[in-house]
Amino acid sequence: MITVRSTVTALAGLGLIGAGLLTAGPAAAEGPFNATIAGQRTMTPLVNLVQSSTQTVAVQNLPAGVGLYALNCKVPADPRQAPTVCDQSTDAAAYLPAVGQARATATMPIKVNAEFWGTNPNPSTGVVTGESVDCRVSTGDPRSTTCAVYVLGAGRDSANPAYLRIFPTVFLPAKATRANDAATITVDGDVVKRGAKPVLKVDRAVPFRV
């Protein structure tokens, strides 16, 4: 089961971020910081998600000089550890840069995929490996989920619990039947139809497109 307390210390190790101060409070802001997704507060599951969607992280009272990250990650076997398998595909790793003044509101879109190729946002070596993740797979524990969206402070605020928010994800099951894929092939500008036998020559380059 994910808990904010158990995850805070581990998040300091993420490569997107720096060491941070566990006991540091937010810089001056007019009200308490908060971040929600679809109106849900931290530790509230995001349910009935389609296979790929863009969710909006709504931020309130972000102090000056504080930036945020949002990552869709596989929850570690030990949820007290930092996630090391995260979706870093286009739009799936969101970043809200720090600015010089406090912001009453801000938004940060993040693409949340049910399936992704996960890699470590903080590889300890030059070799980056990954694994295929299916967030729809049951953990066998109704109190936990395979994946979650993590919102956390950037840079020196990476391990500051004031900015940590965790949103477990629950996806709709995939359809029993998937639509068949189709491809169009052209050789030398002509579409290759079913049963056609294009003639190729050894000494002549022929443009080929799919």
Protein backbone atom coordinates (compact mmCIF):
# COMPACT_ATOMS: atom_id res chain seq x y z
CA MET A 1 0.00 0.00 0.00
CA ILE A 2 1.37 3.42 -0.94
CA THR A 3 1.76 5.96 1.84
CA VAL A 4 3.04 9.51 1.58
CA ARG A 5 5.18 9.11 4.68
CA SER A 6 6.90 5.97 3.41
CA THR A 7 7.51 7.38 -0.07
CA VAL A 8 8.87 10.81 0.81
CA THR A 9 12.41 9.81 1.71
CA ALA A 10 12.82 7.52 -1.27
CA LEU A 11 11.80 10.20 -3.76
CA ALA A 12 14.93 12.16 -2.95
CA GLY A 13 16.82 9.70 -5.12
CA LEU A 14 15.02 10.48 -8.37
CA GLY A 15 17.43 11.87 -10.98
CA LEU A 16 15.05 14.58 -12.10
CA ILE A 17 15.52 16.17 -8.72
CA GLY A 18 18.02 17.08 -6.05
CA ALA A 19 18.45 16.21 -2.42
CA GLY A 20 15.90 18.54 -0.86
CA LEU A 21 15.15 19.09 2.82
CA LEU A 22 12.71 16.68 4.41
CA THR A 23 11.78 19.14 7.11
CA ALA A 24 11.63 22.26 4.97
CA GLY A 25 8.26 23.96 4.56
CA PRO A 26 7.05 25.73 1.43
CA ALA A 27 8.32 29.19 0.61
CA ALA A 28 5.91 32.04 1.32
CA ALA A 29 2.50 31.61 -0.30
CA GLU A 30 -0.93 33.08 0.40
CA GLY A 31 -2.45 29.72 1.26
CA PRO A 32 -1.55 26.06 1.67
CA PHE A 33 -0.14 24.29 -1.37
CA ASN A 34 -2.21 21.57 -2.97
CA ALA A 35 -2.35 19.61 -6.21
CA THR A 36 -5.30 17.58 -7.44
CA ILE A 37 -6.17 15.55 -10.53
CA ALA A 38 -9.79 15.45 -11.74
CA GLY A 39 -10.74 17.07 -8.45
CA GLN A 40 -9.28 14.18 -6.46
CA ARG A 41 -6.91 14.65 -3.56
CA THR A 42 -3.72 12.74 -2.94
CA MET A 43 -4.06 8.99 -2.32
CA THR A 44 -7.49 8.97 -3.98
CA PRO A 45 -7.53 6.54 -6.93
CA LEU A 46 -8.20 7.90 -10.39
CA VAL A 47 -10.78 5.40 -11.62
CA ASN A 48 -12.34 4.41 -14.96
CA LEU A 49 -9.40 5.76 -16.93
CA VAL A 50 -9.36 4.96 -20.64
CA GLN A 51 -6.26 3.38 -22.14
CA SER A 52 -4.64 6.74 -22.85
CA SER A 53 -5.82 10.13 -21.70
CA THR A 54 -4.51 13.54 -20.78
CA GLN A 55 -5.14 14.43 -17.17
CA THR A 56 -4.66 17.90 -15.72
CA VAL A 57 -2.78 18.45 -12.48
CA ALA A 58 -4.44 21.48 -10.88
CA VAL A 59 -2.06 23.33 -8.59
CA GLN A 60 -3.00 25.83 -5.91
CA ASN A 61 -0.71 28.22 -4.05
CA LEU A 62 2.65 27.25 -5.52
CA PRO A 63 5.37 29.33 -3.84
CA ALA A 64 7.91 31.35 -5.77
CA GLY A 65 10.97 29.42 -6.85
CA VAL A 66 9.26 26.02 -6.68
CA GLY A 67 8.82 23.77 -9.71
CA LEU A 68 6.93 20.49 -10.00
CA TYR A 69 7.19 17.19 -11.83
CA ALA A 70 4.40 14.72 -12.59
CA LEU A 71 5.27 11.13 -13.54
CA ASN A 72 3.18 8.06 -14.34
CA CYS A 73 5.09 5.15 -12.79
CA LYS A 74 4.88 1.53 -11.81
CA VAL A 75 4.51 1.32 -8.04
CA PRO A 76 7.62 -0.41 -6.61
CA ALA A 77 7.25 -3.80 -4.92
CA ASP A 78 8.18 -1.92 -1.76
CA PRO A 79 6.04 1.23 -2.03
CA ARG A 80 8.33 2.95 0.46
CA GLN A 81 10.96 3.10 -2.28
CA ALA A 82 11.12 5.63 -5.07
CA PRO A 83 9.56 4.52 -8.36
CA THR A 84 12.20 3.50 -10.90
CA VAL A 85 9.99 2.45 -13.82
CA CYS A 86 8.23 5.50 -15.25
CA ASP A 87 6.65 6.49 -18.54
CA GLN A 88 8.90 9.07 -20.19
CA SER A 89 7.25 9.07 -23.59
CA THR A 90 6.03 12.29 -25.21
CA ASP A 91 3.78 14.29 -22.84
CA ALA A 92 3.88 11.53 -20.21
CA ALA A 93 6.51 13.22 -18.04
CA ALA A 94 5.24 16.67 -17.12
CA TYR A 95 7.23 19.59 -15.74
CA LEU A 96 6.06 22.90 -14.33
CA PRO A 97 9.07 25.25 -14.14
CA ALA A 98 9.71 27.43 -11.13
CA VAL A 99 9.14 31.17 -11.55
CA GLY A 100 10.10 34.19 -9.50
CA GLN A 101 6.67 34.84 -8.03
CA ALA A 102 4.11 32.76 -6.17
CA ARG A 103 1.22 31.39 -8.23
CA ALA A 104 -2.31 31.13 -6.88
CA THR A 105 -3.19 28.59 -9.57
CA ALA A 106 -1.38 26.68 -12.27
CA THR A 107 -2.04 23.62 -14.40
CA MET A 108 0.18 20.85 -15.68
CA PRO A 109 -1.13 18.35 -18.26
CA ILE A 110 0.18 14.79 -18.18
CA LYS A 111 -0.58 11.94 -20.55
CA VAL A 112 -1.52 8.84 -18.56
CA ASN A 113 -1.12 5.57 -20.45
CA ALA A 114 -2.34 2.16 -19.32
CA GLU A 115 0.58 0.53 -21.13
CA PHE A 116 4.05 1.99 -21.53
CA TRP A 117 7.73 1.21 -21.80
CA GLY A 118 9.04 2.24 -18.41
CA THR A 119 12.53 3.49 -17.68
CA ASN A 120 14.31 4.86 -14.64
CA PRO A 121 14.14 8.67 -14.46
CA ASN A 122 17.37 8.52 -12.45
CA PRO A 123 19.64 5.84 -13.93
CA SER A 124 22.66 5.24 -11.71
CA THR A 125 24.77 4.13 -14.68
CA GLY A 126 25.09 5.11 -18.30
CA VAL A 127 23.11 2.05 -19.33
CA VAL A 128 19.36 2.72 -19.40
CA THR A 129 17.19 -0.37 -19.34
CA GLY A 130 13.43 -0.61 -19.16
CA GLU A 131 10.45 -2.88 -19.02
CA SER A 132 6.99 -3.12 -20.49
CA VAL A 133 4.33 -2.06 -17.99
CA ASP A 134 0.61 -2.87 -18.07
CA CYS A 135 -1.09 -0.81 -15.39
CA ARG A 136 -4.29 -2.84 -15.74
CA VAL A 137 -2.67 -5.89 -14.15
CA SER A 138 -4.11 -6.59 -10.71
CA THR A 139 -1.75 -6.57 -7.75
CA GLY A 140 -3.94 -9.07 -5.91
CA ASP A 141 -4.41 -6.49 -3.16
CA PRO A 142 -7.58 -4.37 -3.42
CA ARG A 143 -5.83 -1.63 -1.46
CA SER A 144 -3.07 -1.14 -4.03
CA THR A 145 -2.65 -0.53 -7.75
CA THR A 146 0.04 -1.41 -10.26
CA CYS A 147 0.67 2.22 -11.24
CA ALA A 148 0.27 5.70 -9.84
CA VAL A 149 0.82 9.30 -10.87
CA TYR A 150 3.40 10.98 -8.66
CA VAL A 151 3.54 14.77 -8.26
CA LEU A 152 6.63 16.08 -6.49
CA GLY A 153 8.75 19.16 -6.10
CA ALA A 154 11.68 19.75 -8.42
CA GLY A 155 15.29 20.47 -7.52
CA ARG A 156 15.92 21.24 -3.88
CA ASP A 157 12.25 20.59 -3.09
CA SER A 158 12.32 17.03 -4.43
CA ALA A 159 12.09 15.38 -1.02
CA ASN A 160 9.92 18.03 0.58
CA PRO A 161 6.74 16.22 1.68
CA ALA A 162 4.77 19.44 1.33
CA TYR A 163 4.76 18.94 -2.45
CA LEU A 164 4.35 15.18 -2.70
CA ARG A 165 1.04 13.92 -4.07
CA ILE A 166 0.27 10.34 -5.18
CA PHE A 167 -2.69 9.27 -7.29
CA PRO A 168 -3.19 5.50 -7.78
CA THR A 169 -4.60 4.71 -11.22
CA VAL A 170 -7.40 2.29 -12.16
CA PHE A 171 -8.02 1.70 -15.86
CA LEU A 172 -10.98 0.30 -17.72
CA PRO A 173 -10.28 -3.19 -19.06
CA ALA A 174 -9.09 -3.47 -22.63
CA LYS A 175 -11.71 -4.50 -25.18
CA ALA A 176 -11.90 -8.21 -25.86
CA THR A 177 -11.47 -7.59 -29.56
CA ARG A 178 -9.15 -4.99 -30.98
CA ALA A 179 -9.49 -3.37 -34.38
CA ASN A 180 -7.27 -4.83 -37.07
CA ASP A 181 -4.38 -2.66 -38.17
CA ALA A 182 -3.97 -1.77 -41.83
CA ALA A 183 -0.98 -0.50 -43.80
CA THR A 184 -0.57 0.99 -47.26
CA ILE A 185 2.61 0.16 -49.15
CA THR A 186 3.88 2.15 -52.12
CA VAL A 187 6.71 1.11 -54.43
CA ASP A 188 8.06 3.70 -56.84
CA GLY A 189 4.99 5.85 -56.15
CA ASP A 190 2.42 3.13 -56.88
CA VAL A 191 0.21 1.56 -54.21
CA VAL A 192 0.82 -2.17 -53.93
CA LYS A 193 -2.55 -3.91 -54.07
CA ARG A 194 -3.41 -7.35 -52.77
CA GLY A 195 -1.85 -10.02 -54.98
CA ALA A 196 0.41 -7.58 -56.84
CA LYS A 197 4.01 -8.57 -57.61
CA PRO A 198 6.17 -5.45 -57.99
CA VAL A 199 9.19 -5.90 -60.25
CA LEU A 200 12.47 -4.78 -58.69
CA LYS A 201 15.86 -4.43 -60.34
CA VAL A 202 19.19 -5.10 -58.67
CA ASP A 203 20.92 -2.02 -60.09
CA ARG A 204 18.08 0.47 -59.59
CA ALA A 205 16.99 2.08 -56.34
CA VAL A 206 13.24 2.04 -55.88
CA PRO A 207 11.46 4.28 -53.32
CA PHE A 208 9.57 2.13 -50.82
CA ARG A 209 7.13 3.55 -48.28
CA VAL A 210 4.76 2.08 -45.72
